[in-house]
PDB file of N, CA and C in Angstrom:
ATOM      1  N   MET A   1       0.916  -1.101   0.168  1.00  0.00           N
ATOM      2  CA  MET A   1       0.064  -0.091  -0.086  1.00  0.00           C
ATOM      3  C   MET A   1       0.945   1.348   0.148  1.00  0.00           C
ATOM      4  N   ASN A   2       0.342   2.114  -0.900  1.00  0.00           N
ATOM      5  CA  ASN A   2       1.685   3.525  -1.131  1.00  0.00           C
ATOM      6  C   ASN A   2       0.509   4.512  -0.621  1.00  0.00           C
ATOM      7  N   HIS A   3       1.166   4.856   0.570  1.00  0.00           N
ATOM      8  CA  HIS A   3       0.604   6.171   1.406  1.00  0.00           C
ATOM      9  C   HIS A   3       0.746   7.761   0.962  1.00  0.00           C
ATOM     10  N   ALA A   4       1.843   7.552   0.241  1.00  0.00           N
ATOM     11  CA  ALA A   4       2.477   8.673  -0.431  1.00  0.00           C
ATOM     12  C   ALA A   4       1.475   9.333  -1.328  1.00  0.00           C
ATOM     13  N   ALA A   5       1.412   8.466  -2.097  1.00  0.00           N
ATOM     14  CA  ALA A   5       0.365   8.595  -3.379  1.00  0.00           C
ATOM     15  C   ALA A   5      -1.111   9.261  -2.818  1.00  0.00           C
ATOM     16  N   SER A   6      -1.527   9.206  -1.582  1.00  0.00           N
ATOM     17  CA  SER A   6      -3.061   9.542  -1.069  1.00  0.00           C
ATOM     18  C   SER A   6      -2.897  10.623  -0.303  1.00  0.00           C
ATOM     19  N   MET A   7      -1.579  10.841  -0.002  1.00  0.00           N
ATOM     20  CA  MET A   7      -1.577  11.786   1.051  1.00  0.00           C
ATOM     21  C   MET A   7      -1.174  13.818   0.040  1.00  0.00           C
ATOM     22  N   PRO A   8      -1.809  14.644   0.498  1.00  0.00           N
ATOM     23  CA  PRO A   8      -1.897  16.233  -0.160  1.00  0.00           C
ATOM     24  C   PRO A   8      -0.574  15.818   0.038  1.00  0.00           C
ATOM     25  N   SER A   9       0.033  17.107  -1.204  1.00  0.00           N
ATOM     26  CA  SER A   9       1.613  17.222  -0.812  1.00  0.00           C
ATOM     27  C   SER A   9       1.146  18.926  -0.486  1.00  0.00           C
ATOM     28  N   PHE A  10       2.297  19.337   0.559  1.00  0.00           N
ATOM     29  CA  PHE A  10       2.139  20.600   1.177  1.00  0.00           C
ATOM     30  C   PHE A  10       3.119  21.189   0.632  1.00  0.00           C
ATOM     31  N   LEU A  11       4.088  21.409  -0.293  1.00  0.00           N
ATOM     32  CA  LEU A  11       5.064  22.116  -1.114  1.00  0.00           C
ATOM     33  C   LEU A  11       4.049  23.110  -2.137  1.00  0.00           C
ATOM     34  N   PRO A  12       3.381  22.828  -2.231  1.00  0.00           N
ATOM     35  CA  PRO A  12       2.572  24.125  -3.361  1.00  0.00           C
ATOM     36  C   PRO A  12       2.048  25.181  -2.132  1.00  0.00           C
ATOM     37  N   MET A  13       1.415  24.344  -1.344  1.00  0.00           N
ATOM     38  CA  MET A  13       0.750  25.574  -0.283  1.00  0.00           C
ATOM     39  C   MET A  13       2.046  26.163   0.061  1.00  0.00           C
ATOM     40  N   PHE A  14       3.006  25.811   1.080  1.00  0.00           N
ATOM     41  CA  PHE A  14       4.272  26.104   1.621  1.00  0.00           C
ATOM     42  C   PHE A  14       4.682  27.447   0.569  1.00  0.00           C
ATOM     43  N   THR A  15       5.098  26.568  -0.714  1.00  0.00           N
ATOM     44  CA  THR A  15       5.585  27.751  -1.632  1.00  0.00           C
ATOM     45  C   THR A  15       4.622  29.145  -1.555  1.00  0.00           C
ATOM     46  N   SER A  16       3.155  28.916  -1.860  1.00  0.00           N
ATOM     47  CA  SER A  16       2.208  29.897  -2.005  1.00  0.00           C
ATOM     48  C   SER A  16       2.590  30.358  -0.807  1.00  0.00           C
ATOM     49  N   LEU A  17       2.718  30.151   0.460  1.00  0.00           N
ATOM     50  CA  LEU A  17       2.182  31.154   1.596  1.00  0.00           C
ATOM     51  C   LEU A  17       3.894  31.731   1.094  1.00  0.00           C
ATOM     52  N   LEU A  18       5.101  31.241   1.174  1.00  0.00           N
ATOM     53  CA  LEU A  18       6.360  32.025   1.310  1.00  0.00           C
ATOM     54  C   LEU A  18       5.953  32.921   0.352  1.00  0.00           C
ATOM     55  N   ILE A  19       5.514  32.843  -1.032  1.00  0.00           N
ATOM     56  CA  ILE A  19       5.441  33.919  -2.016  1.00  0.00           C
ATOM     57  C   ILE A  19       4.947  34.924  -1.787  1.00  0.00           C
ATOM     58  N   VAL A  20       3.180  34.778  -0.828  1.00  0.00           N
ATOM     59  CA  VAL A  20       2.667  35.899  -0.294  1.00  0.00           C
ATOM     60  C   VAL A  20       3.300  36.913   0.851  1.00  0.00           C
ATOM     61  N   LEU A  21       4.066  36.297   1.457  1.00  0.00           N
ATOM     62  CA  LEU A  21       4.607  37.110   2.943  1.00  0.00           C
ATOM     63  C   LEU A  21       5.906  37.251   2.354  1.00  0.00           C
ATOM     64  N   GLY A  22       6.248  37.094   1.057  1.00  0.00           N
ATOM     65  CA  GLY A  22       7.531  37.709   0.411  1.00  0.00           C
ATOM     66  C   GLY A  22       6.762  39.111  -0.447  1.00  0.00           C
ATOM     67  N   LEU A  23       5.685  38.966  -1.222  1.00  0.00           N
ATOM     68  CA  LEU A  23       5.333  40.006  -1.525  1.00  0.00           C
ATOM     69  C   LEU A  23       4.718  41.717  -0.442  1.00  0.00           C
ATOM     70  N   PHE A  24       4.061  40.363   0.334  1.00  0.00           N
ATOM     71  CA  PHE A  24       4.187  41.486   1.411  1.00  0.00           C
ATOM     72  C   PHE A  24       4.949  42.497   2.110  1.00  0.00           C
ATOM     73  N   ALA A  25       6.436  41.871   2.264  1.00  0.00           N
ATOM     74  CA  ALA A  25       7.392  42.434   3.360  1.00  0.00           C
ATOM     75  C   ALA A  25       8.148  43.500   2.152  1.00  0.00           C
ATOM     76  N   ALA A  26       7.889  42.689   0.723  1.00  0.00           N
ATOM     77  CA  ALA A  26       8.232  44.058   0.002  1.00  0.00           C
ATOM     78  C   ALA A  26       7.662  45.609  -0.304  1.00  0.00           C
ATOM     79  N   ALA A  27       5.966  45.354  -0.266  1.00  0.00           N
ATOM     80  CA  ALA A  27       5.049  46.026  -0.442  1.00  0.00           C
ATOM     81  C   ALA A  27       5.816  46.851   1.135  1.00  0.00           C
ATOM     82  N   VAL A  28       5.805  46.805   2.252  1.00  0.00           N
ATOM     83  CA  VAL A  28       5.673  47.557   3.112  1.00  0.00           C
ATOM     84  C   VAL A  28       6.804  47.847   2.785  1.00  0.00           C
ATOM     85  N   TRP A  29       7.969  47.702   2.563  1.00  0.00           N
ATOM     86  CA  TRP A  29       9.481  48.232   2.462  1.00  0.00           C
ATOM     87  C   TRP A  29       9.225  49.257   1.517  1.00  0.00           C
ATOM     88  N   GLY A  30       9.140  49.075   0.135  1.00  0.00           N
ATOM     89  CA  GLY A  30       8.108  49.850  -1.011  1.00  0.00           C
ATOM     90  C   GLY A  30       7.596  51.423  -0.386  1.00  0.00           C
ATOM     91  N   LEU A  31       6.479  50.989   0.918  1.00  0.00           N
ATOM     92  CA  LEU A  31       5.835  52.162   1.026  1.00  0.00           C
ATOM     93  C   LEU A  31       6.553  53.165   2.100  1.00  0.00           C
ATOM     94  N   ARG A  32       7.432  52.315   2.586  1.00  0.00           N
ATOM     95  CA  ARG A  32       8.251  52.873   3.308  1.00  0.00           C
ATOM     96  C   ARG A  32       9.558  53.753   2.608  1.00  0.00           C
ATOM     97  N   ARG A  33      10.102  53.125   1.838  1.00  0.00           N
ATOM     98  CA  ARG A  33      11.064  53.871   0.784  1.00  0.00           C
ATOM     99  C   ARG A  33      10.302  55.101   0.382  1.00  0.00           C
ATOM    100  N   MET A  34       8.824  55.050   0.387  1.00  0.00           N
ATOM    101  CA  MET A  34       8.170  56.333  -0.864  1.00  0.00           C
ATOM    102  C   MET A  34       7.486  57.708   0.186  1.00  0.00           C
ATOM    103  N   GLY A  35       7.800  56.856   1.854  1.00  0.00           N
ATOM    104  CA  GLY A  35       7.005  58.089   2.735  1.00  0.00           C
ATOM    105  C   GLY A  35       5.696  57.859   2.813  1.00  0.00           C
ATOM    106  N   LEU A  36       4.865  56.378   2.584  1.00  0.00           N
ATOM    107  CA  LEU A  36       3.743  56.563   2.428  1.00  0.00           C
ATOM    108  C   LEU A  36       3.131  55.681   3.669  1.00  0.00           C
ATOM    109  N   ALA A  37       4.423  54.804   4.275  1.00  0.00           N
ATOM    110  CA  ALA A  37       4.182  54.480   5.752  1.00  0.00           C
ATOM    111  C   ALA A  37       4.880  54.588   6.811  1.00  0.00           C
ATOM    112  N   PRO A  38       4.315  55.345   8.231  1.00  0.00           N
ATOM    113  CA  PRO A  38       5.226  55.344   9.025  1.00  0.00           C
ATOM    114  C   PRO A  38       6.108  54.501   9.566  1.00  0.00           C
ATOM    115  N   ARG A  39       7.374  54.997  10.016  1.00  0.00           N
ATOM    116  CA  ARG A  39       8.780  53.874  10.723  1.00  0.00           C
ATOM    117  C   ARG A  39       8.281  53.907  11.754  1.00  0.00           C
ATOM    118  N   ALA A  40       8.929  53.099  12.442  1.00  0.00           N
ATOM    119  CA  ALA A  40       8.782  52.518  13.513  1.00  0.00           C
ATOM    120  C   ALA A  40       9.413  54.026  14.700  1.00  0.00           C
ATOM    121  N   GLY A  41       8.664  54.713  15.687  1.00  0.00           N
ATOM    122  CA  GLY A  41       9.240  55.558  16.269  1.00  0.00           C
ATOM    123  C   GLY A  41       8.832  56.682  15.958  1.00  0.00           C
ATOM    124  N   ALA A  42       8.104  57.043  14.652  1.00  0.00           N
ATOM    125  CA  ALA A  42       7.517  58.047  13.843  1.00  0.00           C
ATOM    126  C   ALA A  42       6.346  58.389  15.213  1.00  0.00           C
ATOM    127  N   GLY A  43       6.651  60.222  15.507  1.00  0.00           N
ATOM    128  CA  GLY A  43       5.780  60.786  16.638  1.00  0.00           C
ATOM    129  C   GLY A  43       5.661  62.280  16.253  1.00  0.00           C
ATOM    130  N   PRO A  44       5.513  62.717  17.376  1.00  0.00           N
ATOM    131  CA  PRO A  44       5.794  64.270  18.086  1.00  0.00           C
ATOM    132  C   PRO A  44       7.056  64.628  18.282  1.00  0.00           C
ATOM    133  N   MET A  45       8.146  63.637  18.300  1.00  0.00           N
ATOM    134  CA  MET A  45       9.509  64.189  18.329  1.00  0.00           C
ATOM    135  C   MET A  45      10.364  63.821  17.258  1.00  0.00           C
ATOM    136  N   ARG A  46      11.054  65.214  17.317  1.00  0.00           N
ATOM    137  CA  ARG A  46      12.163  64.837  15.868  1.00  0.00           C
ATOM    138  C   ARG A  46      13.419  65.731  16.313  1.00  0.00           C
ATOM    139  N   LEU A  47      14.402  65.293  16.059  1.00  0.00           N
ATOM    140  CA  LEU A  47      15.751  65.204  16.299  1.00  0.00           C
ATOM    141  C   LEU A  47      16.339  66.835  15.235  1.00  0.00           C
ATOM    142  N   VAL A  48      16.772  68.209  16.016  1.00  0.00           N
ATOM    143  CA  VAL A  48      16.704  69.021  15.033  1.00  0.00           C
ATOM    144  C   VAL A  48      18.156  68.938  14.729  1.00  0.00           C
ATOM    145  N   SER A  49      18.848  68.910  15.745  1.00  0.00           N
ATOM    146  CA  SER A  49      20.252  69.508  15.808  1.00  0.00           C
ATOM    147  C   SER A  49      21.653  68.773  17.017  1.00  0.00           C
ATOM    148  N   GLN A  50      22.449  68.468  16.762  1.00  0.00           N
ATOM    149  CA  GLN A  50      22.940  67.815  17.988  1.00  0.00           C
ATOM    150  C   GLN A  50      24.822  67.930  17.333  1.00  0.00           C
ATOM    151  N   LEU A  51      25.545  68.172  18.667  1.00  0.00           N
ATOM    152  CA  LEU A  51      26.565  68.318  18.646  1.00  0.00           C
ATOM    153  C   LEU A  51      27.605  67.708  19.708  1.00  0.00           C
ATOM    154  N   ALA A  52      28.634  66.806  19.257  1.00  0.00           N
ATOM    155  CA  ALA A  52      29.319  65.765  20.011  1.00  0.00           C
ATOM    156  C   ALA A  52      30.308  67.131  20.741  1.00  0.00           C
ATOM    157  N   LEU A  53      30.612  66.440  21.708  1.00  0.00           N
ATOM    158  CA  LEU A  53      31.190  67.287  23.078  1.00  0.00           C
ATOM    159  C   LEU A  53      32.588  66.386  23.422  1.00  0.00           C
ATOM    160  N   GLY A  54      32.443  64.859  22.999  1.00  0.00           N
ATOM    161  CA  GLY A  54      33.258  64.266  23.503  1.00  0.00           C
ATOM    162  C   GLY A  54      32.986  62.893  22.716  1.00  0.00           C
ATOM    163  N   PRO A  55      34.287  61.702  23.298  1.00  0.00           N
ATOM    164  CA  PRO A  55      33.401  60.373  23.231  1.00  0.00           C
ATOM    165  C   PRO A  55      32.220  59.875  23.578  1.00  0.00           C
ATOM    166  N   ARG A  56      31.588  60.139  24.370  1.00  0.00           N
ATOM    167  CA  ARG A  56      30.187  59.899  24.786  1.00  0.00           C
ATOM    168  C   ARG A  56      29.126  61.018  25.265  1.00  0.00           C
ATOM    169  N   GLU A  57      29.318  62.033  25.098  1.00  0.00           N
ATOM    170  CA  GLU A  57      29.039  63.307  25.587  1.00  0.00           C
ATOM    171  C   GLU A  57      28.274  64.051  24.166  1.00  0.00           C
ATOM    172  N   ARG A  58      26.984  64.760  24.728  1.00  0.00           N
ATOM    173  CA  ARG A  58      26.718  65.541  23.419  1.00  0.00           C
ATOM    174  C   ARG A  58      25.660  66.576  23.404  1.00  0.00           C
ATOM    175  N   VAL A  59      25.466  67.311  23.107  1.00  0.00           N
ATOM    176  CA  VAL A  59      23.998  68.356  23.411  1.00  0.00           C
ATOM    177  C   VAL A  59      23.294  68.168  21.985  1.00  0.00           C
ATOM    178  N   VAL A  60      22.531  68.044  22.503  1.00  0.00           N
ATOM    179  CA  VAL A  60      21.020  67.732  21.115  1.00  0.00           C
ATOM    180  C   VAL A  60      20.137  68.989  21.514  1.00  0.00           C
ATOM    181  N   ILE A  61      19.422  69.026  19.948  1.00  0.00           N
ATOM    182  CA  ILE A  61      17.818  69.603  20.054  1.00  0.00           C
ATOM    183  C   ILE A  61      16.865  68.676  19.586  1.00  0.00           C
ATOM    184  N   VAL A  62      16.053  68.362  20.225  1.00  0.00           N
ATOM    185  CA  VAL A  62      14.809  67.982  19.762  1.00  0.00           C
ATOM    186  C   VAL A  62      13.536  68.459  20.184  1.00  0.00           C
ATOM    187  N   GLU A  63      12.707  68.505  18.797  1.00  0.00           N
ATOM    188  CA  GLU A  63      11.659  69.173  18.622  1.00  0.00           C
ATOM    189  C   GLU A  63      10.240  68.428  19.053  1.00  0.00           C
ATOM    190  N   VAL A  64       9.394  68.923  20.148  1.00  0.00           N
ATOM    191  CA  VAL A  64       8.502  68.406  20.759  1.00  0.00           C
ATOM    192  C   VAL A  64       6.971  69.222  20.276  1.00  0.00           C
ATOM    193  N   GLY A  65       6.296  68.632  19.601  1.00  0.00           N
ATOM    194  CA  GLY A  65       5.555  69.715  19.296  1.00  0.00           C
ATOM    195  C   GLY A  65       5.750  70.776  18.829  1.00  0.00           C
ATOM    196  N   GLU A  66       5.143  72.301  20.025  1.00  0.00           N
ATOM    197  CA  GLU A  66       5.830  73.234  19.478  1.00  0.00           C
ATOM    198  C   GLU A  66       6.911  73.932  19.750  1.00  0.00           C
ATOM    199  N   ARG A  67       7.223  72.909  20.759  1.00  0.00           N
ATOM    200  CA  ARG A  67       8.773  73.175  21.561  1.00  0.00           C
ATOM    201  C   ARG A  67      10.379  73.148  21.042  1.00  0.00           C
ATOM    202  N   TRP A  68      11.237  73.485  21.097  1.00  0.00           N
ATOM    203  CA  TRP A  68      12.510  72.705  21.006  1.00  0.00           C
ATOM    204  C   TRP A  68      13.263  72.942  22.297  1.00  0.00           C
ATOM    205  N   VAL A  69      13.658  71.215  22.964  1.00  0.00           N
ATOM    206  CA  VAL A  69      13.866  71.021  24.222  1.00  0.00           C
ATOM    207  C   VAL A  69      15.831  70.782  23.728  1.00  0.00           C
ATOM    208  N   LEU A  70      16.395  71.558  24.484  1.00  0.00           N
ATOM    209  CA  LEU A  70      17.836  71.107  24.547  1.00  0.00           C
ATOM    210  C   LEU A  70      18.151  70.209  25.783  1.00  0.00           C
ATOM    211  N   LEU A  71      18.599  69.324  25.279  1.00  0.00           N
ATOM    212  CA  LEU A  71      19.426  68.629  25.951  1.00  0.00           C
ATOM    213  C   LEU A  71      20.690  68.236  25.962  1.00  0.00           C
ATOM    214  N   GLY A  72      21.053  67.450  27.287  1.00  0.00           N
ATOM    215  CA  GLY A  72      22.554  67.408  27.605  1.00  0.00           C
ATOM    216  C   GLY A  72      22.670  66.026  27.681  1.00  0.00           C
ATOM    217  N   VAL A  73      23.453  65.243  27.026  1.00  0.00           N
ATOM    218  CA  VAL A  73      23.390  63.620  26.950  1.00  0.00           C
ATOM    219  C   VAL A  73      24.585  63.133  27.227  1.00  0.00           C
ATOM    220  N   GLY A  74      24.630  62.401  28.288  1.00  0.00           N
ATOM    221  CA  GLY A  74      25.916  61.740  28.769  1.00  0.00           C
ATOM    222  C   GLY A  74      26.161  60.292  29.146  1.00  0.00           C
ATOM    223  N   ALA A  75      27.506  59.675  29.552  1.00  0.00           N
ATOM    224  CA  ALA A  75      27.506  58.226  30.052  1.00  0.00           C
ATOM    225  C   ALA A  75      26.220  58.562  31.251  1.00  0.00           C
ATOM    226  N   SER A  76      26.166  59.178  32.501  1.00  0.00           N
ATOM    227  CA  SER A  76      25.543  59.263  33.337  1.00  0.00           C
ATOM    228  C   SER A  76      23.951  59.499  33.179  1.00  0.00           C
ATOM    229  N   GLY A  77      23.360  60.065  31.952  1.00  0.00           N
ATOM    230  CA  GLY A  77      22.279  60.470  31.721  1.00  0.00           C
ATOM    231  C   GLY A  77      21.777  61.307  31.169  1.00  0.00           C
ATOM    232  N   ILE A  78      20.727  62.048  31.046  1.00  0.00           N
ATOM    233  CA  ILE A  78      20.101  63.071  29.784  1.00  0.00           C
ATOM    234  C   ILE A  78      19.392  63.889  31.388  1.00  0.00           C
ATOM    235  N   THR A  79      20.286  65.601  30.671  1.00  0.00           N
ATOM    236  CA  THR A  79      19.397  66.686  31.338  1.00  0.00           C
ATOM    237  C   THR A  79      19.216  67.606  30.436  1.00  0.00           C
ATOM    238  N   ARG A  80      18.334  67.775  30.839  1.00  0.00           N
ATOM    239  CA  ARG A  80      17.164  68.852  30.491  1.00  0.00           C
ATOM    240  C   ARG A  80      18.240  70.230  30.933  1.00  0.00           C
ATOM    241  N   LEU A  81      18.563  70.863  29.411  1.00  0.00           N
ATOM    242  CA  LEU A  81      19.628  72.792  29.717  1.00  0.00           C
ATOM    243  C   LEU A  81      18.460  73.518  29.859  1.00  0.00           C
ATOM    244  N   GLY A  82      17.292  73.554  28.652  1.00  0.00           N
ATOM    245  CA  GLY A  82      16.811  74.342  28.494  1.00  0.00           C
ATOM    246  C   GLY A  82      15.382  74.437  27.046  1.00  0.00           C
ATOM    247  N   THR A  83      14.601  75.284  27.010  1.00  0.00           N
ATOM    248  CA  THR A  83      13.252  74.833  26.038  1.00  0.00           C
ATOM    249  C   THR A  83      13.259  76.634  25.574  1.00  0.00           C
ATOM    250  N   VAL A  84      12.514  76.282  24.077  1.00  0.00           N
ATOM    251  CA  VAL A  84      12.484  77.703  23.348  1.00  0.00           C
ATOM    252  C   VAL A  84      11.309  77.246  22.367  1.00  0.00           C
ATOM    253  N   ALA A  85      10.790  78.317  22.277  1.00  0.00           N
ATOM    254  CA  ALA A  85       9.528  78.227  21.235  1.00  0.00           C
ATOM    255  C   ALA A  85       9.994  77.422  19.731  1.00  0.00           C
ATOM    256  N   LYS A  86       9.394  76.341  19.085  1.00  0.00           N
ATOM    257  CA  LYS A  86       9.989  76.087  17.879  1.00  0.00           C
ATOM    258  C   LYS A  86      10.451  77.273  16.856  1.00  0.00           C
ATOM    259  N   GLY A  87      11.395  77.203  15.847  1.00  0.00           N
ATOM    260  CA  GLY A  87      11.569  77.857  14.585  1.00  0.00           C
ATOM    261  C   GLY A  87      12.510  79.367  14.911  1.00  0.00           C
ATOM    262  N   GLU A  88      12.654  79.423  17.044  1.00  0.00           N
ATOM    263  CA  GLU A  88      13.220  80.916  17.238  1.00  0.00           C
ATOM    264  C   GLU A  88      14.645  81.022  16.922  1.00  0.00           C
ATOM    265  N   PHE A  89      15.295  79.655  16.882  1.00  0.00           N
ATOM    266  CA  PHE A  89      16.353  79.558  16.235  1.00  0.00           C
ATOM    267  C   PHE A  89      16.213  78.894  14.590  1.00  0.00           C
ATOM    268  N   PRO A  90      17.181  79.535  13.940  1.00  0.00           N
ATOM    269  CA  PRO A  90      17.367  78.119  12.420  1.00  0.00           C
ATOM    270  C   PRO A  90      17.672  76.808  12.618  1.00  0.00           C
ATOM    271  N   ALA A  91      16.871  75.940  12.103  1.00  0.00           N
ATOM    272  CA  ALA A  91      17.841  74.615  12.386  1.00  0.00           C
ATOM    273  C   ALA A  91      19.216  74.547  12.090  1.00  0.00           C
ATOM    274  N   SER A  92      19.526  74.927  10.686  1.00  0.00           N
ATOM    275  CA  SER A  92      20.592  74.440  10.721  1.00  0.00           C
ATOM    276  C   SER A  92      21.822  75.953  11.071  1.00  0.00           C
ATOM    277  N   PRO A  93      22.879  75.479  11.381  1.00  0.00           N
ATOM    278  CA  PRO A  93      24.365  76.886  11.621  1.00  0.00           C
ATOM    279  C   PRO A  93      24.130  77.302  10.542  1.00  0.00           C
ATOM    280  N   GLN A  94      24.394  77.452   9.647  1.00  0.00           N
ATOM    281  CA  GLN A  94      24.655  78.048   8.317  1.00  0.00           C
ATOM    282  C   GLN A  94      23.827  79.465   8.710  1.00  0.00           C
ATOM    283  N   GLN A  95      22.197  79.289   8.648  1.00  0.00           N
ATOM    284  CA  GLN A  95      21.478  80.529   8.839  1.00  0.00           C
ATOM    285  C   GLN A  95      21.743  81.344   9.940  1.00  0.00           C
ATOM    286  N   GLY A  96      21.828  81.187  10.966  1.00  0.00           N
ATOM    287  CA  GLY A  96      21.892  81.865  12.135  1.00  0.00           C
ATOM    288  C   GLY A  96      22.808  81.776  12.924  1.00  0.00           C
ATOM    289  N   PRO A  97      22.980  81.665  13.891  1.00  0.00           N
ATOM    290  CA  PRO A  97      23.964  82.491  15.236  1.00  0.00           C
ATOM    291  C   PRO A  97      24.277  80.579  15.099  1.00  0.00           C
ATOM    292  N   ALA A  98      25.765  80.654  16.041  1.00  0.00           N
ATOM    293  CA  ALA A  98      26.503  79.261  16.127  1.00  0.00           C
ATOM    294  C   ALA A  98      25.512  78.255  17.301  1.00  0.00           C
ATOM    295  N   PHE A  99      26.262  77.101  17.712  1.00  0.00           N
ATOM    296  CA  PHE A  99      25.416  76.622  18.659  1.00  0.00           C
ATOM    297  C   PHE A  99      25.920  76.787  19.827  1.00  0.00           C
ATOM    298  N   GLY A 100      26.937  77.328  19.946  1.00  0.00           N
ATOM    299  CA  GLY A 100      27.378  77.955  21.209  1.00  0.00           C
ATOM    300  C   GLY A 100      26.617  79.416  21.868  1.00  0.00           C
ATOM    301  N   ALA A 101      26.495  80.001  20.714  1.00  0.00           N
ATOM    302  CA  ALA A 101      25.204  81.000  20.783  1.00  0.00           C
ATOM    303  C   ALA A 101      24.101  80.814  21.219  1.00  0.00           C
ATOM    304  N   LEU A 102      23.429  79.438  20.884  1.00  0.00           N
ATOM    305  CA  LEU A 102      22.184  78.873  21.143  1.00  0.00           C
ATOM    306  C   LEU A 102      22.285  78.328  22.330  1.00  0.00           C
ATOM    307  N   LEU A 103      23.535  77.615  22.600  1.00  0.00           N
ATOM    308  CA  LEU A 103      23.338  77.156  24.114  1.00  0.00           C
ATOM    309  C   LEU A 103      23.485  78.225  25.331  1.00  0.00           C
ATOM    310  N   GLU A 104      23.602  79.514  25.006  1.00  0.00           N
ATOM    311  CA  GLU A 104      24.159  80.106  25.902  1.00  0.00           C
ATOM    312  C   GLU A 104      22.530  81.034  26.033  1.00  0.00           C
ATOM    313  N   ARG A 105      22.017  81.205  25.353  1.00  0.00           N
ATOM    314  CA  ARG A 105      20.501  81.939  25.417  1.00  0.00           C
ATOM    315  C   ARG A 105      19.727  81.168  25.485  1.00  0.00           C
ATOM    316  N   LEU A 106      19.459  79.738  25.491  1.00  0.00           N
ATOM    317  CA  LEU A 106      18.766  78.845  25.805  1.00  0.00           C
ATOM    318  C   LEU A 106      19.007  78.543  27.334  1.00  0.00           C
ATOM    319  N   ARG A 107      20.433  78.777  28.042  1.00  0.00           N
ATOM    320  CA  ARG A 107      20.712  78.349  28.926  1.00  0.00           C
ATOM    321  C   ARG A 107      20.292  79.872  30.129  1.00  0.00           C
ATOM    322  N   GLY A 108      20.324  80.824  29.364  1.00  0.00           N
ATOM    323  CA  GLY A 108      19.747  82.082  30.283  1.00  0.00           C
ATOM    324  C   GLY A 108      20.893  83.131  30.035  1.00  0.00           C
ATOM    325  N   GLY A 109      22.045  82.675  29.652  1.00  0.00           N
ATOM    326  CA  GLY A 109      23.160  83.486  28.965  1.00  0.00           C
ATOM    327  C   GLY A 109      22.884  84.948  28.370  1.00  0.00           C
ATOM    328  N   THR A 110      23.797  86.179  28.286  1.00  0.00           N
ATOM    329  CA  THR A 110      23.725  87.079  27.292  1.00  0.00           C
ATOM    330  C   THR A 110      24.755  86.845  26.625  1.00  0.00           C
ATOM    331  N   ARG A 111      24.776  86.238  25.098  1.00  0.00           N
ATOM    332  CA  ARG A 111      25.989  86.608  24.167  1.00  0.00           C
ATOM    333  C   ARG A 111      24.875  86.509  23.112  1.00  0.00           C
TER     334      ARG A 111
END
């Protein structure tokens, strides 16, 4: 008695499943490349600028809603250095004051 001939073959079904999953993954990748699908972590926060101060220390400006938050990031943690209304300073250093001037103004200095 030959049982192999009476059993259904799972190979075509398994191959079809792999093709459908591959097409789905390709569609998601294509939508993300075109900017039509949100990426993981996309939300109300955006990194505006950053300045490395050392191998593990940096100062970053993060846009949160309508505010820019200046953060100090180091090995010991993250510290809020100040906040400012969004767009009060240009995002690129070529258009406005140097990052140091922005840091001083956010920290309350007179520069």
